[in-house]
Amino acid sequence: MTKLIRRLFIFCSLLAALLLAYGLYEPYTLQTAHYTLNNPELAGIKIAFAADFHIAPDDTKRLEKTISALNREQPDIIILGGDYVKGHKQYTSMPVADIAARLAKLQAPAGIYAVLGNHDIWYGKDAVTAALQNHNITVLDNQNRRIKIKNHNLTIVGISDLATDKPDFIKAFRNAAAPAVLITHSPDTFPESPKTALTLAAHTHGGQIRLPFIGAPVVNSAYGQRYNNGLISENGKTMIVTQGLGTSILPLRFNCRPEIVVVTFR
């Protein structure tokens, strides 16, 4: 019996070590989640969406890999959902000016639009906003922009972060015209948001760790699994929540690969 217990202990220890090794490896992988949505008003438009970058000082290769993946999709518009920097302190992140300079390599004929996340506000709202806008990335802070893509009119609306700022839908949608795409860092604004062609959200990281048959034990949302990740339809509204790109608190991902999202309307 003692020998059996010893072997079982060794087996469990090896399995735990393997799982930990994979959990440390998975954050450096990347996948693309493709969605096709029916909307004649926006037919033919392709949007690429990325969020939760959490770029540490030594994360240059991961950031460049993400930028290359977004550009390969040749989207009409690129939307960024916040949390470009990492951690609560500036020294835990790549300087935001360096992050923005690399994001300037993104290519989309109809422009690049962004909101800020909670990490960006902790780092410094004005600093992150200025860095992005200095590189032709439009930051929408309870604001909107009306643009034209492939003979379609589209309004891009961005609201402030729910946890660290003050989302204001009335201000954000002032003079907006349908169809509209809403950018929110947190999916928890979805129940209160106006109806749009699409809401794009982030912040949850898909739970980061998703266990077989159980799912994510921890989801960074007041709604738990309801808004964890993927395509969500409620009350005639549609939202896509990305699993994001980086990690927070634990440097691990398991069964929850980093991703960019590509949405094509037809």
C-alpha atoms as a PDB file:
ATOM      1  CA  MET A   1       0.000   0.000   0.000  1.00  0.00           C
ATOM      2  CA  THR A   2       2.847   2.376   0.878  1.00  0.00           C
ATOM      3  CA  LYS A   3       4.476   1.757  -2.517  1.00  0.00           C
ATOM      4  CA  LEU A   4       1.136   2.419  -4.269  1.00  0.00           C
ATOM      5  CA  ILE A   5       0.644   5.680  -2.383  1.00  0.00           C
ATOM      6  CA  ARG A   6       4.184   6.754  -3.269  1.00  0.00           C
ATOM      7  CA  ARG A   7       3.611   6.029  -6.955  1.00  0.00           C
ATOM      8  CA  LEU A   8       0.304   7.876  -6.877  1.00  0.00           C
ATOM      9  CA  PHE A   9       1.988  10.869  -5.246  1.00  0.00           C
ATOM     10  CA  ILE A  10       4.742  10.892  -7.887  1.00  0.00           C
ATOM     11  CA  PHE A  11       2.181  10.626 -10.682  1.00  0.00           C
ATOM     12  CA  CYS A  12       0.079  13.485  -9.289  1.00  0.00           C
ATOM     13  CA  SER A  13       3.188  15.623  -8.781  1.00  0.00           C
ATOM     14  CA  LEU A  14       4.312  15.067 -12.377  1.00  0.00           C
ATOM     15  CA  LEU A  15       0.834  15.806 -13.682  1.00  0.00           C
ATOM     16  CA  ALA A  16       0.662  19.025 -11.656  1.00  0.00           C
ATOM     17  CA  ALA A  17       4.089  20.054 -12.959  1.00  0.00           C
ATOM     18  CA  LEU A  18       3.023  19.407 -16.560  1.00  0.00           C
ATOM     19  CA  LEU A  19      -0.190  21.372 -16.124  1.00  0.00           C
ATOM     20  CA  LEU A  20       1.709  24.265 -14.575  1.00  0.00           C
ATOM     21  CA  ALA A  21       4.245  24.236 -17.418  1.00  0.00           C
ATOM     22  CA  TYR A  22       1.447  24.353 -19.979  1.00  0.00           C
ATOM     23  CA  GLY A  23      -0.306  27.110 -18.027  1.00  0.00           C
ATOM     24  CA  LEU A  24       2.880  29.184 -18.224  1.00  0.00           C
ATOM     25  CA  TYR A  25       3.250  28.433 -21.957  1.00  0.00           C
ATOM     26  CA  GLU A  26      -0.329  29.132 -23.112  1.00  0.00           C
ATOM     27  CA  PRO A  27      -0.175  32.940 -22.558  1.00  0.00           C
ATOM     28  CA  TYR A  28       2.366  33.117 -25.391  1.00  0.00           C
ATOM     29  CA  THR A  29       0.090  31.427 -27.920  1.00  0.00           C
ATOM     30  CA  LEU A  30      -2.480  33.286 -30.020  1.00  0.00           C
ATOM     31  CA  GLN A  31      -5.699  32.370 -31.787  1.00  0.00           C
ATOM     32  CA  THR A  32      -8.223  34.233 -33.920  1.00  0.00           C
ATOM     33  CA  ALA A  33     -11.920  33.998 -33.097  1.00  0.00           C
ATOM     34  CA  HIS A  34     -14.043  34.621 -36.208  1.00  0.00           C
ATOM     35  CA  TYR A  35     -17.690  35.728 -36.068  1.00  0.00           C
ATOM     36  CA  THR A  36     -20.107  36.400 -38.917  1.00  0.00           C
ATOM     37  CA  LEU A  37     -23.120  38.584 -38.116  1.00  0.00           C
ATOM     38  CA  ASN A  38     -26.113  39.372 -40.283  1.00  0.00           C
ATOM     39  CA  ASN A  39     -26.625  43.100 -40.782  1.00  0.00           C
ATOM     40  CA  PRO A  40     -27.444  44.413 -44.279  1.00  0.00           C
ATOM     41  CA  GLU A  41     -26.617  47.970 -43.195  1.00  0.00           C
ATOM     42  CA  LEU A  42     -23.018  46.909 -42.585  1.00  0.00           C
ATOM     43  CA  ALA A  43     -22.648  44.092 -45.116  1.00  0.00           C
ATOM     44  CA  GLY A  44     -19.057  43.510 -46.195  1.00  0.00           C
ATOM     45  CA  ILE A  45     -17.442  45.364 -43.291  1.00  0.00           C
ATOM     46  CA  LYS A  46     -14.740  43.571 -41.314  1.00  0.00           C
ATOM     47  CA  ILE A  47     -13.782  44.645 -37.796  1.00  0.00           C
ATOM     48  CA  ALA A  48     -10.778  43.367 -35.869  1.00  0.00           C
ATOM     49  CA  PHE A  49     -10.911  43.672 -32.082  1.00  0.00           C
ATOM     50  CA  ALA A  50      -8.200  43.194 -29.465  1.00  0.00           C
ATOM     51  CA  ALA A  51      -8.029  43.993 -25.759  1.00  0.00           C
ATOM     52  CA  ASP A  52      -6.381  43.246 -22.427  1.00  0.00           C
ATOM     53  CA  PHE A  53      -2.857  43.484 -23.799  1.00  0.00           C
ATOM     54  CA  HIS A  54      -1.190  43.853 -20.346  1.00  0.00           C
ATOM     55  CA  ILE A  55       2.223  44.501 -21.851  1.00  0.00           C
ATOM     56  CA  ALA A  56       5.085  43.960 -19.399  1.00  0.00           C
ATOM     57  CA  PRO A  57       8.541  45.519 -19.988  1.00  0.00           C
ATOM     58  CA  ASP A  58       9.824  42.344 -21.708  1.00  0.00           C
ATOM     59  CA  ASP A  59       6.696  41.642 -23.805  1.00  0.00           C
ATOM     60  CA  THR A  60       7.876  43.102 -27.117  1.00  0.00           C
ATOM     61  CA  LYS A  61       7.626  39.816 -29.043  1.00  0.00           C
ATOM     62  CA  ARG A  62       4.100  39.113 -27.787  1.00  0.00           C
ATOM     63  CA  LEU A  63       2.948  42.610 -28.748  1.00  0.00           C
ATOM     64  CA  GLU A  64       4.527  42.404 -32.213  1.00  0.00           C
ATOM     65  CA  LYS A  65       2.918  38.995 -32.757  1.00  0.00           C
ATOM     66  CA  THR A  66      -0.496  40.455 -31.950  1.00  0.00           C
ATOM     67  CA  ILE A  67       0.001  43.433 -34.270  1.00  0.00           C
ATOM     68  CA  SER A  68       1.030  41.132 -37.128  1.00  0.00           C
ATOM     69  CA  ALA A  69      -2.023  38.921 -36.573  1.00  0.00           C
ATOM     70  CA  LEU A  70      -4.379  41.913 -36.646  1.00  0.00           C
ATOM     71  CA  ASN A  71      -2.832  43.305 -39.823  1.00  0.00           C
ATOM     72  CA  ARG A  72      -2.956  39.926 -41.587  1.00  0.00           C
ATOM     73  CA  GLU A  73      -6.742  40.005 -41.297  1.00  0.00           C
ATOM     74  CA  GLN A  74      -6.824  43.202 -43.396  1.00  0.00           C
ATOM     75  CA  PRO A  75      -9.762  44.661 -41.449  1.00  0.00           C
ATOM     76  CA  ASP A  76     -11.611  47.816 -42.446  1.00  0.00           C
ATOM     77  CA  ILE A  77     -11.436  49.060 -38.882  1.00  0.00           C
ATOM     78  CA  ILE A  78      -9.507  48.049 -35.761  1.00  0.00           C
ATOM     79  CA  ILE A  79     -10.999  48.429 -32.297  1.00  0.00           C
ATOM     80  CA  LEU A  80      -8.969  48.237 -29.101  1.00  0.00           C
ATOM     81  CA  GLY A  81     -10.737  47.462 -25.837  1.00  0.00           C
ATOM     82  CA  GLY A  82      -8.372  48.743 -23.165  1.00  0.00           C
ATOM     83  CA  ASP A  83      -5.738  47.554 -20.667  1.00  0.00           C
ATOM     84  CA  TYR A  84      -2.682  48.220 -22.818  1.00  0.00           C
ATOM     85  CA  VAL A  85      -0.425  48.537 -19.779  1.00  0.00           C
ATOM     86  CA  LYS A  86       0.157  45.971 -17.043  1.00  0.00           C
ATOM     87  CA  GLY A  87      -0.356  46.241 -13.311  1.00  0.00           C
ATOM     88  CA  HIS A  88      -1.132  49.001 -10.858  1.00  0.00           C
ATOM     89  CA  LYS A  89       2.294  50.644 -11.043  1.00  0.00           C
ATOM     90  CA  GLN A  90       4.132  52.127 -14.001  1.00  0.00           C
ATOM     91  CA  TYR A  91       7.292  50.088 -13.399  1.00  0.00           C
ATOM     92  CA  THR A  92       5.406  46.798 -13.943  1.00  0.00           C
ATOM     93  CA  SER A  93       4.519  47.803 -17.501  1.00  0.00           C
ATOM     94  CA  MET A  94       6.286  48.599 -20.729  1.00  0.00           C
ATOM     95  CA  PRO A  95       6.153  52.415 -20.953  1.00  0.00           C
ATOM     96  CA  VAL A  96       2.882  53.408 -22.585  1.00  0.00           C
ATOM     97  CA  ALA A  97       4.713  55.580 -25.110  1.00  0.00           C
ATOM     98  CA  ASP A  98       6.555  52.475 -26.343  1.00  0.00           C
ATOM     99  CA  ILE A  99       3.336  50.439 -26.478  1.00  0.00           C
ATOM    100  CA  ALA A 100       1.595  53.154 -28.487  1.00  0.00           C
ATOM    101  CA  ALA A 101       4.546  53.501 -30.860  1.00  0.00           C
ATOM    102  CA  ARG A 102       4.289  49.800 -31.683  1.00  0.00           C
ATOM    103  CA  LEU A 103       0.484  49.929 -31.996  1.00  0.00           C
ATOM    104  CA  ALA A 104       1.039  52.648 -34.608  1.00  0.00           C
ATOM    105  CA  LYS A 105       1.983  49.797 -36.963  1.00  0.00           C
ATOM    106  CA  LEU A 106      -1.669  48.689 -37.036  1.00  0.00           C
ATOM    107  CA  GLN A 107      -3.300  49.184 -40.418  1.00  0.00           C
ATOM    108  CA  ALA A 108      -6.989  49.789 -41.075  1.00  0.00           C
ATOM    109  CA  PRO A 109      -8.301  52.145 -43.787  1.00  0.00           C
ATOM    110  CA  ALA A 110     -11.240  53.374 -41.683  1.00  0.00           C
ATOM    111  CA  GLY A 111      -9.113  54.004 -38.612  1.00  0.00           C
ATOM    112  CA  ILE A 112      -8.267  52.640 -35.180  1.00  0.00           C
ATOM    113  CA  TYR A 113     -10.550  53.369 -32.224  1.00  0.00           C
ATOM    114  CA  ALA A 114      -9.983  52.619 -28.563  1.00  0.00           C
ATOM    115  CA  VAL A 115     -11.277  52.848 -25.031  1.00  0.00           C
ATOM    116  CA  LEU A 116      -9.286  52.661 -21.812  1.00  0.00           C
ATOM    117  CA  GLY A 117      -9.408  49.890 -19.213  1.00  0.00           C
ATOM    118  CA  ASN A 118      -8.931  49.863 -15.470  1.00  0.00           C
ATOM    119  CA  HIS A 119      -5.175  49.241 -15.697  1.00  0.00           C
ATOM    120  CA  ASP A 120      -4.826  52.250 -17.993  1.00  0.00           C
ATOM    121  CA  ILE A 121      -6.631  54.468 -15.498  1.00  0.00           C
ATOM    122  CA  TRP A 122      -4.380  53.230 -12.681  1.00  0.00           C
ATOM    123  CA  TYR A 123      -1.309  53.886 -14.844  1.00  0.00           C
ATOM    124  CA  GLY A 124      -2.520  57.388 -15.717  1.00  0.00           C
ATOM    125  CA  LYS A 125      -5.553  58.232 -17.819  1.00  0.00           C
ATOM    126  CA  ASP A 126      -4.088  61.353 -19.417  1.00  0.00           C
ATOM    127  CA  ALA A 127      -0.760  59.673 -20.184  1.00  0.00           C
ATOM    128  CA  VAL A 128      -2.340  56.639 -21.877  1.00  0.00           C
ATOM    129  CA  THR A 129      -4.832  58.748 -23.825  1.00  0.00           C
ATOM    130  CA  ALA A 130      -2.140  61.123 -25.067  1.00  0.00           C
ATOM    131  CA  ALA A 131       0.219  58.289 -26.053  1.00  0.00           C
ATOM    132  CA  LEU A 132      -2.428  56.539 -28.138  1.00  0.00           C
ATOM    133  CA  GLN A 133      -3.762  59.673 -29.785  1.00  0.00           C
ATOM    134  CA  ASN A 134      -0.216  60.829 -30.640  1.00  0.00           C
ATOM    135  CA  HIS A 135      -0.075  57.722 -32.830  1.00  0.00           C
ATOM    136  CA  ASN A 136      -3.401  58.265 -34.623  1.00  0.00           C
ATOM    137  CA  ILE A 137      -5.419  55.971 -32.372  1.00  0.00           C
ATOM    138  CA  THR A 138      -8.699  57.696 -31.497  1.00  0.00           C
ATOM    139  CA  VAL A 139      -9.603  57.265 -27.827  1.00  0.00           C
ATOM    140  CA  LEU A 140     -13.348  57.486 -27.167  1.00  0.00           C
ATOM    141  CA  ASP A 141     -14.123  58.524 -23.591  1.00  0.00           C
ATOM    142  CA  ASN A 142     -17.937  58.710 -23.501  1.00  0.00           C
ATOM    143  CA  GLN A 143     -17.716  59.889 -27.100  1.00  0.00           C
ATOM    144  CA  ASN A 144     -18.558  58.756 -30.610  1.00  0.00           C
ATOM    145  CA  ARG A 145     -17.294  59.153 -34.149  1.00  0.00           C
ATOM    146  CA  ARG A 146     -19.378  58.848 -37.291  1.00  0.00           C
ATOM    147  CA  ILE A 147     -17.438  57.300 -40.169  1.00  0.00           C
ATOM    148  CA  LYS A 148     -18.041  55.933 -43.646  1.00  0.00           C
ATOM    149  CA  ILE A 149     -16.803  52.484 -44.699  1.00  0.00           C
ATOM    150  CA  LYS A 150     -17.451  50.929 -48.118  1.00  0.00           C
ATOM    151  CA  ASN A 151     -20.403  53.273 -48.689  1.00  0.00           C
ATOM    152  CA  HIS A 152     -21.875  52.362 -45.278  1.00  0.00           C
ATOM    153  CA  ASN A 153     -22.349  54.844 -42.467  1.00  0.00           C
ATOM    154  CA  LEU A 154     -21.238  53.638 -39.033  1.00  0.00           C
ATOM    155  CA  THR A 155     -20.980  55.241 -35.609  1.00  0.00           C
ATOM    156  CA  ILE A 156     -18.274  54.046 -33.246  1.00  0.00           C
ATOM    157  CA  VAL A 157     -19.195  54.704 -29.613  1.00  0.00           C
ATOM    158  CA  GLY A 158     -16.800  54.293 -26.698  1.00  0.00           C
ATOM    159  CA  ILE A 159     -17.663  54.524 -23.024  1.00  0.00           C
ATOM    160  CA  SER A 160     -15.464  55.002 -19.963  1.00  0.00           C
ATOM    161  CA  ASP A 161     -14.376  52.105 -17.787  1.00  0.00           C
ATOM    162  CA  LEU A 162     -16.997  50.868 -15.339  1.00  0.00           C
ATOM    163  CA  ALA A 163     -14.660  50.049 -12.436  1.00  0.00           C
ATOM    164  CA  THR A 164     -12.394  53.108 -12.405  1.00  0.00           C
ATOM    165  CA  ASP A 165     -14.264  55.825 -14.299  1.00  0.00           C
ATOM    166  CA  LYS A 166     -17.831  56.917 -15.078  1.00  0.00           C
ATOM    167  CA  PRO A 167     -19.617  55.441 -18.104  1.00  0.00           C
ATOM    168  CA  ASP A 168     -22.131  57.952 -19.476  1.00  0.00           C
ATOM    169  CA  PHE A 169     -24.361  56.535 -22.214  1.00  0.00           C
ATOM    170  CA  ILE A 170     -26.254  59.786 -22.724  1.00  0.00           C
ATOM    171  CA  LYS A 171     -23.057  61.699 -23.392  1.00  0.00           C
ATOM    172  CA  ALA A 172     -21.487  58.885 -25.401  1.00  0.00           C
ATOM    173  CA  PHE A 173     -24.453  58.537 -27.780  1.00  0.00           C
ATOM    174  CA  ARG A 174     -25.074  62.263 -28.231  1.00  0.00           C
ATOM    175  CA  ASN A 175     -25.681  62.919 -31.959  1.00  0.00           C
ATOM    176  CA  ALA A 176     -24.898  59.271 -32.738  1.00  0.00           C
ATOM    177  CA  ALA A 177     -26.683  57.648 -35.654  1.00  0.00           C
ATOM    178  CA  ALA A 178     -27.546  54.012 -36.280  1.00  0.00           C
ATOM    179  CA  PRO A 179     -26.015  51.617 -37.031  1.00  0.00           C
ATOM    180  CA  ALA A 180     -23.526  51.836 -34.166  1.00  0.00           C
ATOM    181  CA  VAL A 181     -20.837  49.653 -32.640  1.00  0.00           C
ATOM    182  CA  LEU A 182     -20.269  50.157 -28.914  1.00  0.00           C
ATOM    183  CA  ILE A 183     -16.886  49.633 -27.245  1.00  0.00           C
ATOM    184  CA  THR A 184     -16.838  48.981 -23.507  1.00  0.00           C
ATOM    185  CA  HIS A 185     -13.959  47.607 -21.490  1.00  0.00           C
ATOM    186  CA  SER A 186     -16.257  45.779 -19.081  1.00  0.00           C
ATOM    187  CA  PRO A 187     -19.145  43.598 -20.272  1.00  0.00           C
ATOM    188  CA  ASP A 188     -21.075  44.484 -17.113  1.00  0.00           C
ATOM    189  CA  THR A 189     -22.394  47.645 -18.803  1.00  0.00           C
ATOM    190  CA  PHE A 190     -24.342  45.491 -21.280  1.00  0.00           C
ATOM    191  CA  PRO A 191     -27.697  45.338 -19.432  1.00  0.00           C
ATOM    192  CA  GLU A 192     -27.874  49.157 -19.320  1.00  0.00           C
ATOM    193  CA  SER A 193     -26.512  49.871 -22.790  1.00  0.00           C
ATOM    194  CA  PRO A 194     -28.661  51.093 -25.689  1.00  0.00           C
ATOM    195  CA  LYS A 195     -29.343  48.696 -28.539  1.00  0.00           C
ATOM    196  CA  THR A 196     -26.612  48.774 -31.176  1.00  0.00           C
ATOM    197  CA  ALA A 197     -25.464  46.668 -34.095  1.00  0.00           C
ATOM    198  CA  LEU A 198     -22.823  45.177 -31.796  1.00  0.00           C
ATOM    199  CA  THR A 199     -21.146  45.677 -28.430  1.00  0.00           C
ATOM    200  CA  LEU A 200     -17.504  44.684 -28.058  1.00  0.00           C
ATOM    201  CA  ALA A 201     -16.214  44.028 -24.531  1.00  0.00           C
ATOM    202  CA  ALA A 202     -13.200  42.615 -22.704  1.00  0.00           C
ATOM    203  CA  HIS A 203     -11.901  42.614 -19.101  1.00  0.00           C
ATOM    204  CA  THR A 204     -12.823  39.034 -18.099  1.00  0.00           C
ATOM    205  CA  HIS A 205      -9.897  37.325 -19.889  1.00  0.00           C
ATOM    206  CA  GLY A 206     -12.373  34.499 -20.414  1.00  0.00           C
ATOM    207  CA  GLY A 207     -11.588  33.531 -16.833  1.00  0.00           C
ATOM    208  CA  GLN A 208      -7.929  32.829 -17.807  1.00  0.00           C
ATOM    209  CA  ILE A 209      -8.183  29.329 -16.370  1.00  0.00           C
ATOM    210  CA  ARG A 210     -11.032  27.117 -17.592  1.00  0.00           C
ATOM    211  CA  LEU A 211     -11.274  23.634 -16.168  1.00  0.00           C
ATOM    212  CA  PRO A 212     -12.872  20.716 -18.043  1.00  0.00           C
ATOM    213  CA  PHE A 213     -16.556  20.203 -17.128  1.00  0.00           C
ATOM    214  CA  ILE A 214     -16.377  23.134 -14.684  1.00  0.00           C
ATOM    215  CA  GLY A 215     -15.424  26.191 -16.709  1.00  0.00           C
ATOM    216  CA  ALA A 216     -13.735  29.216 -15.200  1.00  0.00           C
ATOM    217  CA  PRO A 217     -13.775  29.118 -11.389  1.00  0.00           C
ATOM    218  CA  VAL A 218     -13.219  32.895 -11.271  1.00  0.00           C
ATOM    219  CA  VAL A 219     -14.695  35.404 -13.730  1.00  0.00           C
ATOM    220  CA  ASN A 220     -13.996  39.117 -13.346  1.00  0.00           C
ATOM    221  CA  SER A 221     -17.640  40.107 -13.742  1.00  0.00           C
ATOM    222  CA  ALA A 222     -20.516  40.715 -11.358  1.00  0.00           C
ATOM    223  CA  TYR A 223     -22.546  38.427 -13.646  1.00  0.00           C
ATOM    224  CA  GLY A 224     -20.189  35.454 -13.352  1.00  0.00           C
ATOM    225  CA  GLN A 225     -20.239  33.055 -16.305  1.00  0.00           C
ATOM    226  CA  ARG A 226     -23.037  34.994 -18.017  1.00  0.00           C
ATOM    227  CA  TYR A 227     -20.628  37.436 -19.676  1.00  0.00           C
ATOM    228  CA  ASN A 228     -17.437  35.410 -19.511  1.00  0.00           C
ATOM    229  CA  ASN A 229     -16.580  35.200 -23.206  1.00  0.00           C
ATOM    230  CA  GLY A 230     -17.897  34.717 -26.726  1.00  0.00           C
ATOM    231  CA  LEU A 231     -21.106  35.731 -28.487  1.00  0.00           C
ATOM    232  CA  ILE A 232     -23.932  36.789 -26.185  1.00  0.00           C
ATOM    233  CA  SER A 233     -27.471  37.777 -27.203  1.00  0.00           C
ATOM    234  CA  GLU A 234     -29.912  39.331 -24.752  1.00  0.00           C
ATOM    235  CA  ASN A 235     -33.038  41.446 -25.168  1.00  0.00           C
ATOM    236  CA  GLY A 236     -32.422  41.958 -28.868  1.00  0.00           C
ATOM    237  CA  LYS A 237     -28.817  43.080 -28.276  1.00  0.00           C
ATOM    238  CA  THR A 238     -25.590  41.359 -29.301  1.00  0.00           C
ATOM    239  CA  MET A 239     -22.234  41.432 -27.517  1.00  0.00           C
ATOM    240  CA  ILE A 240     -18.918  39.709 -28.127  1.00  0.00           C
ATOM    241  CA  VAL A 241     -16.599  39.381 -25.134  1.00  0.00           C
ATOM    242  CA  THR A 242     -13.008  38.605 -26.038  1.00  0.00           C
ATOM    243  CA  GLN A 243     -10.779  36.301 -23.983  1.00  0.00           C
ATOM    244  CA  GLY A 244      -8.162  39.016 -24.306  1.00  0.00           C
ATOM    245  CA  LEU A 245      -4.433  38.781 -24.852  1.00  0.00           C
ATOM    246  CA  GLY A 246      -2.594  39.084 -21.559  1.00  0.00           C
ATOM    247  CA  THR A 247      -2.816  37.855 -17.997  1.00  0.00           C
ATOM    248  CA  SER A 248      -3.573  39.515 -14.681  1.00  0.00           C
ATOM    249  CA  ILE A 249      -2.740  38.444 -11.098  1.00  0.00           C
ATOM    250  CA  LEU A 250      -1.560  34.959 -12.148  1.00  0.00           C
ATOM    251  CA  PRO A 251       0.770  34.671 -15.190  1.00  0.00           C
ATOM    252  CA  LEU A 252      -1.207  31.622 -16.300  1.00  0.00           C
ATOM    253  CA  ARG A 253      -3.783  30.599 -18.869  1.00  0.00           C
ATOM    254  CA  PHE A 254      -5.296  27.152 -19.182  1.00  0.00           C
ATOM    255  CA  ASN A 255      -7.783  26.098 -21.852  1.00  0.00           C
ATOM    256  CA  CYS A 256      -8.269  29.809 -22.532  1.00  0.00           C
ATOM    257  CA  ARG A 257      -5.845  30.931 -25.207  1.00  0.00           C
ATOM    258  CA  PRO A 258      -5.130  34.602 -25.913  1.00  0.00           C
ATOM    259  CA  GLU A 259      -7.147  35.780 -28.896  1.00  0.00           C
ATOM    260  CA  ILE A 260      -7.973  38.506 -31.329  1.00  0.00           C
ATOM    261  CA  VAL A 261     -11.557  38.767 -32.565  1.00  0.00           C
ATOM    262  CA  VAL A 262     -12.586  39.301 -36.189  1.00  0.00           C
ATOM    263  CA  VAL A 263     -16.188  40.206 -36.992  1.00  0.00           C
ATOM    264  CA  THR A 264     -17.534  40.196 -40.555  1.00  0.00           C
ATOM    265  CA  PHE A 265     -20.965  41.585 -41.329  1.00  0.00           C
ATOM    266  CA  ARG A 266     -23.055  40.161 -44.160  1.00  0.00           C
END
